[in-house]
Amino acid sequence: MSAQEQIQKVDFIRGNFTPSEVRDLISSFIDKSINLYKVQYMSQWEANHKYESETLDSKIAELTNVKNKLLKVVEKAGLEGARVSLDSILELKLIK
């Protein structure tokens, strides 16, 4: 078994949605991811008050930027009366 062996790859979300539905999906998923990093930060900080959080801060900033960019596209779709095609693949890997 290699260091990174693919376990499973599945269509996570696939379909055509209203802009409102896509906005909810994107916001929910990214907000929960951001909250996960915040919980990781708090856990690290509780163990070490001098914990350097640059890596987690960077991940949070990246997710925030991606969310804003995606929501702009969704907003444009709403203004144009268009639906949004969403195709998201979830890939899980075992890392040893």
N, C-alpha and C. Protein backbone atom coordinates (compact mmCIF):
# COMPACT_ATOMS: atom_id res chain seq x y z
N MET A 1 0.85 -1.18 0.00
CA MET A 1 0.00 0.00 0.00
C MET A 1 0.89 1.24 0.00
N SER A 2 0.62 2.16 -0.88
CA SER A 2 1.42 3.38 -0.98
C SER A 2 1.07 4.34 0.15
N ALA A 3 1.86 5.41 0.27
CA ALA A 3 1.63 6.41 1.32
C ALA A 3 0.26 7.06 1.16
N GLN A 4 -0.16 7.28 -0.07
CA GLN A 4 -1.49 7.85 -0.32
C GLN A 4 -2.23 6.92 -1.26
N GLU A 5 -3.13 6.15 -0.73
CA GLU A 5 -3.91 5.24 -1.56
C GLU A 5 -5.34 5.74 -1.62
N GLN A 6 -5.85 5.89 -2.85
CA GLN A 6 -7.21 6.37 -3.03
C GLN A 6 -8.17 5.33 -2.48
N ILE A 7 -9.07 5.78 -1.64
CA ILE A 7 -10.07 4.88 -1.08
C ILE A 7 -11.35 4.94 -1.89
N GLN A 8 -11.85 6.15 -2.09
CA GLN A 8 -13.11 6.27 -2.79
C GLN A 8 -13.25 7.65 -3.41
N LYS A 9 -13.87 7.67 -4.58
CA LYS A 9 -14.15 8.91 -5.29
C LYS A 9 -15.61 8.84 -5.70
N VAL A 10 -16.40 9.81 -5.26
CA VAL A 10 -17.84 9.78 -5.54
C VAL A 10 -18.32 11.15 -6.01
N ASP A 11 -19.39 11.12 -6.81
CA ASP A 11 -20.06 12.37 -7.16
C ASP A 11 -20.75 12.85 -5.90
N PHE A 12 -20.28 13.95 -5.38
CA PHE A 12 -20.81 14.48 -4.12
C PHE A 12 -22.11 15.24 -4.38
N ILE A 13 -22.05 16.16 -5.30
CA ILE A 13 -23.22 16.95 -5.69
C ILE A 13 -23.17 17.08 -7.20
N ARG A 14 -24.28 16.78 -7.86
CA ARG A 14 -24.33 16.94 -9.31
C ARG A 14 -25.75 17.28 -9.70
N GLY A 15 -25.86 18.37 -10.48
CA GLY A 15 -27.17 18.73 -10.99
C GLY A 15 -27.27 20.20 -11.33
N ASN A 16 -28.45 20.58 -11.78
CA ASN A 16 -28.74 21.98 -12.10
C ASN A 16 -29.62 22.53 -10.99
N PHE A 17 -29.23 23.66 -10.46
CA PHE A 17 -29.90 24.22 -9.29
C PHE A 17 -30.22 25.68 -9.52
N THR A 18 -31.12 26.19 -8.70
CA THR A 18 -31.39 27.63 -8.72
C THR A 18 -30.20 28.32 -8.05
N PRO A 19 -29.98 29.59 -8.37
CA PRO A 19 -28.89 30.32 -7.71
C PRO A 19 -29.01 30.29 -6.18
N SER A 20 -30.22 30.36 -5.68
CA SER A 20 -30.42 30.33 -4.23
C SER A 20 -29.97 29.00 -3.63
N GLU A 21 -30.29 27.91 -4.31
CA GLU A 21 -29.88 26.59 -3.81
C GLU A 21 -28.36 26.46 -3.82
N VAL A 22 -27.73 26.93 -4.90
CA VAL A 22 -26.27 26.83 -4.99
C VAL A 22 -25.60 27.73 -3.95
N ARG A 23 -26.16 28.91 -3.75
CA ARG A 23 -25.61 29.82 -2.72
C ARG A 23 -25.65 29.13 -1.36
N ASP A 24 -26.76 28.47 -1.04
CA ASP A 24 -26.88 27.77 0.24
C ASP A 24 -25.88 26.63 0.34
N LEU A 25 -25.73 25.85 -0.73
CA LEU A 25 -24.79 24.73 -0.72
C LEU A 25 -23.35 25.20 -0.53
N ILE A 26 -22.96 26.20 -1.32
CA ILE A 26 -21.59 26.72 -1.24
C ILE A 26 -21.31 27.32 0.13
N SER A 27 -22.23 28.16 0.60
CA SER A 27 -22.02 28.82 1.89
C SER A 27 -21.94 27.79 3.02
N SER A 28 -22.84 26.82 3.00
CA SER A 28 -22.85 25.81 4.05
C SER A 28 -21.56 25.00 4.06
N PHE A 29 -21.15 24.53 2.91
CA PHE A 29 -19.96 23.69 2.84
C PHE A 29 -18.69 24.46 3.23
N ILE A 30 -18.53 25.63 2.66
CA ILE A 30 -17.31 26.40 2.94
C ILE A 30 -17.31 26.93 4.37
N ASP A 31 -18.46 27.40 4.86
CA ASP A 31 -18.52 27.88 6.24
C ASP A 31 -18.19 26.77 7.23
N LYS A 32 -18.67 25.56 6.97
CA LYS A 32 -18.35 24.44 7.87
C LYS A 32 -16.85 24.10 7.79
N SER A 33 -16.27 24.21 6.60
CA SER A 33 -14.83 23.95 6.46
C SER A 33 -14.03 24.99 7.24
N ILE A 34 -14.43 26.24 7.14
CA ILE A 34 -13.76 27.31 7.88
C ILE A 34 -13.88 27.07 9.38
N ASN A 35 -15.06 26.69 9.83
CA ASN A 35 -15.26 26.42 11.26
C ASN A 35 -14.40 25.26 11.73
N LEU A 36 -14.21 24.25 10.87
CA LEU A 36 -13.34 23.14 11.23
C LEU A 36 -11.92 23.62 11.48
N TYR A 37 -11.41 24.49 10.60
CA TYR A 37 -10.06 25.04 10.80
C TYR A 37 -9.99 25.89 12.07
N LYS A 38 -11.05 26.61 12.39
CA LYS A 38 -11.07 27.40 13.62
C LYS A 38 -11.03 26.51 14.85
N VAL A 39 -11.74 25.39 14.80
CA VAL A 39 -11.71 24.43 15.91
C VAL A 39 -10.32 23.82 16.04
N GLN A 40 -9.70 23.50 14.90
CA GLN A 40 -8.33 22.99 14.94
C GLN A 40 -7.38 24.00 15.57
N TYR A 41 -7.57 25.27 15.22
CA TYR A 41 -6.74 26.32 15.80
C TYR A 41 -6.91 26.37 17.32
N MET A 42 -8.16 26.36 17.76
CA MET A 42 -8.42 26.44 19.21
C MET A 42 -7.81 25.25 19.93
N SER A 43 -7.90 24.08 19.33
CA SER A 43 -7.32 22.89 19.94
C SER A 43 -5.81 23.02 20.05
N GLN A 44 -5.17 23.49 18.99
CA GLN A 44 -3.72 23.69 19.01
C GLN A 44 -3.33 24.78 20.02
N TRP A 45 -4.10 25.85 20.04
CA TRP A 45 -3.80 26.97 20.93
C TRP A 45 -3.95 26.56 22.40
N GLU A 46 -4.96 25.73 22.71
CA GLU A 46 -5.13 25.28 24.09
C GLU A 46 -3.93 24.46 24.54
N ALA A 47 -3.35 23.68 23.62
CA ALA A 47 -2.18 22.88 23.95
C ALA A 47 -0.91 23.72 24.01
N ASN A 48 -0.87 24.80 23.23
CA ASN A 48 0.34 25.62 23.16
C ASN A 48 -0.08 27.06 22.82
N HIS A 49 -0.07 27.94 23.82
CA HIS A 49 -0.51 29.32 23.62
C HIS A 49 0.40 30.11 22.68
N LYS A 50 1.53 29.54 22.31
CA LYS A 50 2.42 30.19 21.36
C LYS A 50 2.29 29.57 19.97
N TYR A 51 1.21 28.86 19.74
CA TYR A 51 0.98 28.17 18.48
C TYR A 51 0.97 29.17 17.32
N GLU A 52 1.73 28.85 16.29
CA GLU A 52 1.80 29.69 15.09
C GLU A 52 0.67 29.26 14.15
N SER A 53 -0.23 30.17 13.87
CA SER A 53 -1.45 29.81 13.13
C SER A 53 -1.43 30.18 11.66
N GLU A 54 -0.26 30.50 11.11
CA GLU A 54 -0.19 30.96 9.73
C GLU A 54 -0.80 29.98 8.74
N THR A 55 -0.54 28.69 8.92
CA THR A 55 -1.06 27.69 7.99
C THR A 55 -2.58 27.67 8.01
N LEU A 56 -3.16 27.62 9.20
CA LEU A 56 -4.61 27.61 9.30
C LEU A 56 -5.21 28.94 8.85
N ASP A 57 -4.55 30.04 9.19
CA ASP A 57 -5.03 31.36 8.74
C ASP A 57 -5.05 31.43 7.22
N SER A 58 -4.03 30.86 6.60
CA SER A 58 -3.94 30.85 5.14
C SER A 58 -5.07 30.03 4.52
N LYS A 59 -5.36 28.88 5.11
CA LYS A 59 -6.44 28.03 4.62
C LYS A 59 -7.79 28.73 4.75
N ILE A 60 -8.00 29.40 5.87
CA ILE A 60 -9.25 30.13 6.09
C ILE A 60 -9.39 31.27 5.09
N ALA A 61 -8.31 32.00 4.87
CA ALA A 61 -8.34 33.11 3.90
C ALA A 61 -8.61 32.59 2.49
N GLU A 62 -7.98 31.49 2.14
CA GLU A 62 -8.19 30.90 0.81
C GLU A 62 -9.65 30.49 0.62
N LEU A 63 -10.20 29.81 1.62
CA LEU A 63 -11.60 29.40 1.54
C LEU A 63 -12.54 30.60 1.45
N THR A 64 -12.25 31.65 2.19
CA THR A 64 -13.06 32.85 2.16
C THR A 64 -13.02 33.48 0.77
N ASN A 65 -11.83 33.55 0.16
CA ASN A 65 -11.70 34.10 -1.19
C ASN A 65 -12.44 33.25 -2.22
N VAL A 66 -12.32 31.93 -2.12
CA VAL A 66 -13.02 31.04 -3.04
C VAL A 66 -14.53 31.22 -2.90
N LYS A 67 -14.99 31.29 -1.67
CA LYS A 67 -16.42 31.47 -1.42
C LYS A 67 -16.91 32.76 -2.08
N ASN A 68 -16.18 33.84 -1.88
CA ASN A 68 -16.59 35.13 -2.46
C ASN A 68 -16.64 35.07 -3.99
N LYS A 69 -15.64 34.44 -4.60
CA LYS A 69 -15.61 34.32 -6.06
C LYS A 69 -16.79 33.50 -6.57
N LEU A 70 -17.04 32.37 -5.92
CA LEU A 70 -18.14 31.52 -6.35
C LEU A 70 -19.49 32.21 -6.18
N LEU A 71 -19.65 32.92 -5.08
CA LEU A 71 -20.92 33.60 -4.84
C LEU A 71 -21.16 34.73 -5.83
N LYS A 72 -20.09 35.33 -6.35
CA LYS A 72 -20.25 36.35 -7.40
C LYS A 72 -20.80 35.72 -8.67
N VAL A 73 -20.32 34.54 -9.01
CA VAL A 73 -20.83 33.83 -10.19
C VAL A 73 -22.30 33.48 -9.99
N VAL A 74 -22.63 33.01 -8.80
CA VAL A 74 -24.01 32.65 -8.49
C VAL A 74 -24.91 33.88 -8.54
N GLU A 75 -24.40 35.00 -8.02
CA GLU A 75 -25.17 36.25 -8.07
C GLU A 75 -25.44 36.66 -9.51
N LYS A 76 -24.43 36.53 -10.36
CA LYS A 76 -24.60 36.86 -11.78
C LYS A 76 -25.67 35.97 -12.41
N ALA A 77 -25.66 34.70 -12.08
CA ALA A 77 -26.67 33.77 -12.60
C ALA A 77 -28.06 34.21 -12.18
N GLY A 78 -28.18 34.64 -10.93
CA GLY A 78 -29.48 35.11 -10.44
C GLY A 78 -29.96 36.34 -11.18
N LEU A 79 -29.06 37.26 -11.44
CA LEU A 79 -29.42 38.48 -12.17
C LEU A 79 -29.82 38.19 -13.61
N GLU A 80 -29.25 37.15 -14.18
CA GLU A 80 -29.53 36.79 -15.56
C GLU A 80 -30.69 35.79 -15.68
N GLY A 81 -31.23 35.38 -14.53
CA GLY A 81 -32.32 34.41 -14.55
C GLY A 81 -31.89 33.01 -14.96
N ALA A 82 -30.63 32.71 -14.75
CA ALA A 82 -30.07 31.41 -15.15
C ALA A 82 -30.03 30.43 -13.98
N ARG A 83 -30.01 29.17 -14.31
CA ARG A 83 -29.76 28.13 -13.31
C ARG A 83 -28.25 27.88 -13.28
N VAL A 84 -27.81 27.15 -12.29
CA VAL A 84 -26.38 26.89 -12.13
C VAL A 84 -26.15 25.38 -12.12
N SER A 85 -25.24 24.93 -12.97
CA SER A 85 -24.84 23.53 -12.99
C SER A 85 -23.73 23.36 -11.97
N LEU A 86 -23.91 22.42 -11.08
CA LEU A 86 -22.93 22.18 -10.02
C LEU A 86 -22.48 20.73 -10.09
N ASP A 87 -21.18 20.51 -10.14
CA ASP A 87 -20.61 19.17 -10.21
C ASP A 87 -19.45 19.13 -9.23
N SER A 88 -19.63 18.41 -8.15
CA SER A 88 -18.61 18.35 -7.12
C SER A 88 -18.28 16.89 -6.83
N ILE A 89 -17.00 16.59 -6.86
CA ILE A 89 -16.53 15.23 -6.59
C ILE A 89 -15.83 15.22 -5.25
N LEU A 90 -16.16 14.24 -4.44
CA LEU A 90 -15.53 14.05 -3.15
C LEU A 90 -14.56 12.88 -3.27
N GLU A 91 -13.32 13.14 -2.92
CA GLU A 91 -12.28 12.11 -3.03
C GLU A 91 -11.67 11.89 -1.67
N LEU A 92 -11.73 10.66 -1.21
CA LEU A 92 -11.15 10.30 0.08
C LEU A 92 -9.89 9.48 -0.14
N LYS A 93 -8.85 9.79 0.64
CA LYS A 93 -7.59 9.04 0.55
C LYS A 93 -7.13 8.67 1.95
N LEU A 94 -6.58 7.51 2.05
CA LEU A 94 -5.96 7.06 3.29
C LEU A 94 -4.52 7.52 3.26
N ILE A 95 -4.10 8.24 4.27
CA ILE A 95 -2.73 8.75 4.34
C ILE A 95 -2.04 8.13 5.54
N LYS A 96 -0.92 7.49 5.28
CA LYS A 96 -0.17 6.85 6.38
C LYS A 96 1.18 7.47 6.51
